[in-house]
């Protein structure tokens, strides 16, 4: 009987504690204003591009398509299929906003190089422009260079991207331009 009373007493004392010890649901963050801005990219796009191999020479033209999807409202994932210089090229880009770093972050890989490009950036000019910067190997110069990609939304259905590398004199030189038109 004494054992039963002790057990009952223990249950009464531990019952409320056990209820309080239940694991609470984690509180996941919600997408921020910057994450919501990235949703402008989502959709199907036609792409026309110009590759500037040498200053003063006619650019090499290419065309392709891009499909951009949202990943949880935090990231966008771009799948690019293009043809340039009679070669097929596939590329994948992710763009998100790192709330802890307070910066946009991105990655790029493609079927023509072995480099994983990682970018950081910021949005400017009333949320219509995203400037991403990185460092990587420049094929035209044969050495590591600073790069800057500037994406500008002209309207909800048209955006441009200008890719530049910083020359030895510190000036930015355009190496590629692309226009994306929503299908």
C-alpha atoms as a PDB file:
ATOM      1  CA  UNK A   1       0.000   0.000   0.000  1.00  0.00           C
ATOM      2  CA  UNK A   2       2.843   2.323   0.881  1.00  0.00           C
ATOM      3  CA  UNK A   3       4.424   1.595  -2.503  1.00  0.00           C
ATOM      4  CA  UNK A   4       1.152   2.383  -4.298  1.00  0.00           C
ATOM      5  CA  UNK A   5       0.817   5.692  -2.452  1.00  0.00           C
ATOM      6  CA  UNK A   6       4.402   6.636  -3.304  1.00  0.00           C
ATOM      7  CA  UNK A   7       3.797   5.793  -6.964  1.00  0.00           C
ATOM      8  CA  UNK A   8       0.556   7.817  -7.017  1.00  0.00           C
ATOM      9  CA  UNK A   9       2.287  10.722  -5.309  1.00  0.00           C
ATOM     10  CA  UNK A  10       5.137  10.575  -7.858  1.00  0.00           C
ATOM     11  CA  UNK A  11       2.659  10.587 -10.750  1.00  0.00           C
ATOM     12  CA  UNK A  12       0.834  13.587  -9.317  1.00  0.00           C
ATOM     13  CA  UNK A  13       4.066  15.501  -8.842  1.00  0.00           C
ATOM     14  CA  UNK A  14       5.646  14.502 -12.162  1.00  0.00           C
ATOM     15  CA  UNK A  15       2.516  14.771 -14.282  1.00  0.00           C
ATOM     16  CA  UNK A  16       2.617  18.564 -14.692  1.00  0.00           C
ATOM     17  CA  UNK A  17       6.377  18.471 -15.202  1.00  0.00           C
ATOM     18  CA  UNK A  18       6.065  15.831 -17.900  1.00  0.00           C
ATOM     19  CA  UNK A  19       3.463  17.942 -19.703  1.00  0.00           C
ATOM     20  CA  UNK A  20       5.814  20.927 -19.647  1.00  0.00           C
ATOM     21  CA  UNK A  21       8.691  18.838 -20.980  1.00  0.00           C
ATOM     22  CA  UNK A  22       6.923  18.107 -24.269  1.00  0.00           C
ATOM     23  CA  UNK A  23       9.047  19.279 -27.174  1.00  0.00           C
ATOM     24  CA  UNK A  24       7.736  22.470 -28.701  1.00  0.00           C
ATOM     25  CA  UNK A  25       7.324  22.887 -32.432  1.00  0.00           C
ATOM     26  CA  UNK A  26      10.295  24.745 -33.877  1.00  0.00           C
ATOM     27  CA  UNK A  27       9.585  28.257 -35.046  1.00  0.00           C
ATOM     28  CA  UNK A  28      10.728  28.434 -38.655  1.00  0.00           C
ATOM     29  CA  UNK A  29      11.409  31.839 -40.209  1.00  0.00           C
ATOM     30  CA  UNK A  30       9.085  33.364 -42.750  1.00  0.00           C
ATOM     31  CA  UNK A  31      10.361  34.720 -46.092  1.00  0.00           C
ATOM     32  CA  UNK A  32      11.408  38.351 -45.804  1.00  0.00           C
ATOM     33  CA  UNK A  33      10.694  41.237 -48.180  1.00  0.00           C
ATOM     34  CA  UNK A  34      13.949  40.398 -50.006  1.00  0.00           C
ATOM     35  CA  UNK A  35      12.897  36.770 -50.457  1.00  0.00           C
ATOM     36  CA  UNK A  36       9.526  37.907 -51.788  1.00  0.00           C
ATOM     37  CA  UNK A  37      11.279  40.228 -54.269  1.00  0.00           C
ATOM     38  CA  UNK A  38      13.117  37.221 -55.750  1.00  0.00           C
ATOM     39  CA  UNK A  39       9.780  35.696 -56.774  1.00  0.00           C
ATOM     40  CA  UNK A  40       9.795  38.160 -59.723  1.00  0.00           C
ATOM     41  CA  UNK A  41      12.216  35.736 -61.397  1.00  0.00           C
ATOM     42  CA  UNK A  42       9.840  32.752 -61.251  1.00  0.00           C
ATOM     43  CA  UNK A  43       8.508  31.640 -64.638  1.00  0.00           C
ATOM     44  CA  UNK A  44       9.467  30.631 -68.169  1.00  0.00           C
ATOM     45  CA  UNK A  45      11.773  32.958 -70.122  1.00  0.00           C
ATOM     46  CA  UNK A  46      13.231  33.290 -73.636  1.00  0.00           C
ATOM     47  CA  UNK A  47      16.861  34.425 -73.563  1.00  0.00           C
ATOM     48  CA  UNK A  48      18.921  36.312 -76.138  1.00  0.00           C
ATOM     49  CA  UNK A  49      22.592  36.869 -75.335  1.00  0.00           C
ATOM     50  CA  UNK A  50      25.728  38.559 -76.640  1.00  0.00           C
ATOM     51  CA  UNK A  51      29.186  37.330 -75.667  1.00  0.00           C
ATOM     52  CA  UNK A  52      31.912  39.981 -76.019  1.00  0.00           C
ATOM     53  CA  UNK A  53      35.151  38.061 -76.524  1.00  0.00           C
ATOM     54  CA  UNK A  54      37.335  41.008 -77.584  1.00  0.00           C
ATOM     55  CA  UNK A  55      36.829  44.763 -77.315  1.00  0.00           C
ATOM     56  CA  UNK A  56      35.884  46.315 -80.648  1.00  0.00           C
ATOM     57  CA  UNK A  57      34.869  43.007 -82.240  1.00  0.00           C
ATOM     58  CA  UNK A  58      31.321  41.933 -83.093  1.00  0.00           C
ATOM     59  CA  UNK A  59      29.727  39.983 -80.200  1.00  0.00           C
ATOM     60  CA  UNK A  60      28.838  36.309 -80.508  1.00  0.00           C
ATOM     61  CA  UNK A  61      25.083  35.857 -80.267  1.00  0.00           C
ATOM     62  CA  UNK A  62      23.218  33.066 -78.511  1.00  0.00           C
ATOM     63  CA  UNK A  63      19.695  32.131 -77.568  1.00  0.00           C
ATOM     64  CA  UNK A  64      18.001  29.841 -75.120  1.00  0.00           C
ATOM     65  CA  UNK A  65      15.338  29.327 -72.519  1.00  0.00           C
ATOM     66  CA  UNK A  66      15.254  29.613 -68.762  1.00  0.00           C
ATOM     67  CA  UNK A  67      12.904  28.055 -66.220  1.00  0.00           C
ATOM     68  CA  UNK A  68      12.940  29.594 -62.742  1.00  0.00           C
ATOM     69  CA  UNK A  69      11.212  27.949 -59.781  1.00  0.00           C
ATOM     70  CA  UNK A  70      10.812  28.926 -56.136  1.00  0.00           C
ATOM     71  CA  UNK A  71      12.243  26.789 -53.352  1.00  0.00           C
ATOM     72  CA  UNK A  72      10.176  27.357 -50.210  1.00  0.00           C
ATOM     73  CA  UNK A  73       9.808  31.071 -50.908  1.00  0.00           C
ATOM     74  CA  UNK A  74      13.432  31.591 -49.804  1.00  0.00           C
ATOM     75  CA  UNK A  75      15.364  30.624 -52.942  1.00  0.00           C
ATOM     76  CA  UNK A  76      14.933  30.709 -56.671  1.00  0.00           C
ATOM     77  CA  UNK A  77      16.451  28.006 -58.852  1.00  0.00           C
ATOM     78  CA  UNK A  78      17.204  28.797 -62.489  1.00  0.00           C
ATOM     79  CA  UNK A  79      17.657  26.158 -65.196  1.00  0.00           C
ATOM     80  CA  UNK A  80      19.158  27.648 -68.353  1.00  0.00           C
ATOM     81  CA  UNK A  81      19.439  25.837 -71.685  1.00  0.00           C
ATOM     82  CA  UNK A  82      21.298  27.783 -74.347  1.00  0.00           C
ATOM     83  CA  UNK A  83      23.164  27.522 -77.619  1.00  0.00           C
ATOM     84  CA  UNK A  84      26.203  29.681 -78.303  1.00  0.00           C
ATOM     85  CA  UNK A  85      28.983  29.243 -80.875  1.00  0.00           C
ATOM     86  CA  UNK A  86      27.176  26.118 -82.159  1.00  0.00           C
ATOM     87  CA  UNK A  87      27.495  24.487 -78.727  1.00  0.00           C
ATOM     88  CA  UNK A  88      24.742  23.524 -76.336  1.00  0.00           C
ATOM     89  CA  UNK A  89      25.182  24.815 -72.787  1.00  0.00           C
ATOM     90  CA  UNK A  90      23.243  24.117 -69.596  1.00  0.00           C
ATOM     91  CA  UNK A  91      23.542  26.268 -66.493  1.00  0.00           C
ATOM     92  CA  UNK A  92      22.038  26.254 -63.004  1.00  0.00           C
ATOM     93  CA  UNK A  93      21.810  29.232 -60.663  1.00  0.00           C
ATOM     94  CA  UNK A  94      20.444  29.609 -57.154  1.00  0.00           C
ATOM     95  CA  UNK A  95      19.715  33.008 -55.625  1.00  0.00           C
ATOM     96  CA  UNK A  96      18.532  33.690 -52.098  1.00  0.00           C
ATOM     97  CA  UNK A  97      18.788  36.245 -49.341  1.00  0.00           C
ATOM     98  CA  UNK A  98      20.925  35.376 -46.312  1.00  0.00           C
ATOM     99  CA  UNK A  99      19.153  37.145 -43.445  1.00  0.00           C
ATOM    100  CA  UNK A 100      22.105  36.637 -41.080  1.00  0.00           C
ATOM    101  CA  UNK A 101      24.570  38.212 -43.529  1.00  0.00           C
ATOM    102  CA  UNK A 102      21.985  40.762 -44.739  1.00  0.00           C
ATOM    103  CA  UNK A 103      23.028  40.079 -48.337  1.00  0.00           C
ATOM    104  CA  UNK A 104      21.838  38.275 -51.429  1.00  0.00           C
ATOM    105  CA  UNK A 105      23.805  35.107 -52.158  1.00  0.00           C
ATOM    106  CA  UNK A 106      23.982  33.033 -55.329  1.00  0.00           C
ATOM    107  CA  UNK A 107      25.701  30.100 -56.992  1.00  0.00           C
ATOM    108  CA  UNK A 108      26.306  29.281 -60.666  1.00  0.00           C
ATOM    109  CA  UNK A 109      27.466  26.096 -62.406  1.00  0.00           C
ATOM    110  CA  UNK A 110      27.381  25.229 -66.082  1.00  0.00           C
ATOM    111  CA  UNK A 111      28.229  22.462 -68.517  1.00  0.00           C
ATOM    112  CA  UNK A 112      31.189  24.298 -70.089  1.00  0.00           C
ATOM    113  CA  UNK A 113      33.408  24.914 -67.044  1.00  0.00           C
ATOM    114  CA  UNK A 114      34.455  23.145 -63.856  1.00  0.00           C
ATOM    115  CA  UNK A 115      34.136  26.172 -61.555  1.00  0.00           C
ATOM    116  CA  UNK A 116      31.484  26.631 -58.873  1.00  0.00           C
ATOM    117  CA  UNK A 117      30.812  30.368 -58.803  1.00  0.00           C
ATOM    118  CA  UNK A 118      29.605  31.875 -55.505  1.00  0.00           C
ATOM    119  CA  UNK A 119      28.247  35.415 -55.392  1.00  0.00           C
ATOM    120  CA  UNK A 120      27.200  38.004 -52.849  1.00  0.00           C
ATOM    121  CA  UNK A 121      25.172  41.063 -53.659  1.00  0.00           C
ATOM    122  CA  UNK A 122      22.582  43.687 -52.961  1.00  0.00           C
ATOM    123  CA  UNK A 123      19.426  45.065 -54.505  1.00  0.00           C
ATOM    124  CA  UNK A 124      19.392  48.708 -55.559  1.00  0.00           C
ATOM    125  CA  UNK A 125      17.406  51.388 -57.366  1.00  0.00           C
ATOM    126  CA  UNK A 126      13.960  50.871 -55.853  1.00  0.00           C
ATOM    127  CA  UNK A 127      14.223  47.066 -55.863  1.00  0.00           C
ATOM    128  CA  UNK A 128      14.561  46.836 -59.678  1.00  0.00           C
ATOM    129  CA  UNK A 129      18.252  45.940 -59.783  1.00  0.00           C
ATOM    130  CA  UNK A 130      20.335  43.158 -58.241  1.00  0.00           C
ATOM    131  CA  UNK A 131      24.136  43.452 -58.319  1.00  0.00           C
ATOM    132  CA  UNK A 132      26.083  40.242 -57.631  1.00  0.00           C
ATOM    133  CA  UNK A 133      29.876  40.083 -57.311  1.00  0.00           C
ATOM    134  CA  UNK A 134      32.351  37.214 -57.292  1.00  0.00           C
ATOM    135  CA  UNK A 135      35.925  36.273 -58.075  1.00  0.00           C
ATOM    136  CA  UNK A 136      36.905  33.558 -60.531  1.00  0.00           C
ATOM    137  CA  UNK A 137      39.057  32.445 -63.406  1.00  0.00           C
ATOM    138  CA  UNK A 138      38.766  34.672 -66.488  1.00  0.00           C
ATOM    139  CA  UNK A 139      39.252  32.679 -69.691  1.00  0.00           C
ATOM    140  CA  UNK A 140      40.076  35.793 -71.714  1.00  0.00           C
ATOM    141  CA  UNK A 141      42.869  36.906 -69.361  1.00  0.00           C
ATOM    142  CA  UNK A 142      44.015  33.498 -68.129  1.00  0.00           C
ATOM    143  CA  UNK A 143      43.953  34.549 -64.470  1.00  0.00           C
ATOM    144  CA  UNK A 144      41.635  35.159 -61.529  1.00  0.00           C
ATOM    145  CA  UNK A 145      39.524  38.323 -61.854  1.00  0.00           C
ATOM    146  CA  UNK A 146      36.680  40.146 -60.116  1.00  0.00           C
ATOM    147  CA  UNK A 147      33.284  39.808 -61.800  1.00  0.00           C
ATOM    148  CA  UNK A 148      30.048  41.753 -61.456  1.00  0.00           C
ATOM    149  CA  UNK A 149      26.639  40.617 -62.748  1.00  0.00           C
ATOM    150  CA  UNK A 150      23.885  43.231 -62.782  1.00  0.00           C
ATOM    151  CA  UNK A 151      20.293  42.060 -63.227  1.00  0.00           C
ATOM    152  CA  UNK A 152      17.778  44.832 -64.016  1.00  0.00           C
ATOM    153  CA  UNK A 153      14.011  44.353 -64.245  1.00  0.00           C
ATOM    154  CA  UNK A 154      12.748  46.691 -66.970  1.00  0.00           C
ATOM    155  CA  UNK A 155       9.186  45.550 -66.186  1.00  0.00           C
ATOM    156  CA  UNK A 156       7.519  42.390 -64.829  1.00  0.00           C
ATOM    157  CA  UNK A 157       8.113  40.532 -68.110  1.00  0.00           C
ATOM    158  CA  UNK A 158      11.554  41.788 -69.181  1.00  0.00           C
ATOM    159  CA  UNK A 159      14.912  41.781 -67.456  1.00  0.00           C
ATOM    160  CA  UNK A 160      18.502  42.213 -68.549  1.00  0.00           C
ATOM    161  CA  UNK A 161      21.759  40.889 -67.175  1.00  0.00           C
ATOM    162  CA  UNK A 162      25.134  42.475 -67.827  1.00  0.00           C
ATOM    163  CA  UNK A 163      28.202  40.478 -66.820  1.00  0.00           C
ATOM    164  CA  UNK A 164      31.443  42.418 -66.403  1.00  0.00           C
ATOM    165  CA  UNK A 165      35.010  41.748 -65.374  1.00  0.00           C
ATOM    166  CA  UNK A 166      37.324  44.269 -63.789  1.00  0.00           C
ATOM    167  CA  UNK A 167      40.238  45.114 -66.031  1.00  0.00           C
ATOM    168  CA  UNK A 168      43.816  45.583 -64.903  1.00  0.00           C
ATOM    169  CA  UNK A 169      43.224  49.350 -64.916  1.00  0.00           C
ATOM    170  CA  UNK A 170      40.279  48.949 -62.495  1.00  0.00           C
ATOM    171  CA  UNK A 171      37.576  49.701 -65.087  1.00  0.00           C
ATOM    172  CA  UNK A 172      34.663  47.308 -65.593  1.00  0.00           C
ATOM    173  CA  UNK A 173      34.525  45.675 -69.045  1.00  0.00           C
ATOM    174  CA  UNK A 174      31.325  44.075 -70.388  1.00  0.00           C
ATOM    175  CA  UNK A 175      31.816  40.442 -71.353  1.00  0.00           C
ATOM    176  CA  UNK A 176      28.192  39.348 -71.741  1.00  0.00           C
ATOM    177  CA  UNK A 177      24.728  40.856 -72.082  1.00  0.00           C
ATOM    178  CA  UNK A 178      21.447  38.949 -71.980  1.00  0.00           C
ATOM    179  CA  UNK A 179      17.788  39.877 -72.307  1.00  0.00           C
ATOM    180  CA  UNK A 180      15.145  37.678 -70.680  1.00  0.00           C
ATOM    181  CA  UNK A 181      11.563  37.928 -71.960  1.00  0.00           C
ATOM    182  CA  UNK A 182       8.776  36.134 -70.100  1.00  0.00           C
ATOM    183  CA  UNK A 183       6.980  33.540 -72.250  1.00  0.00           C
END
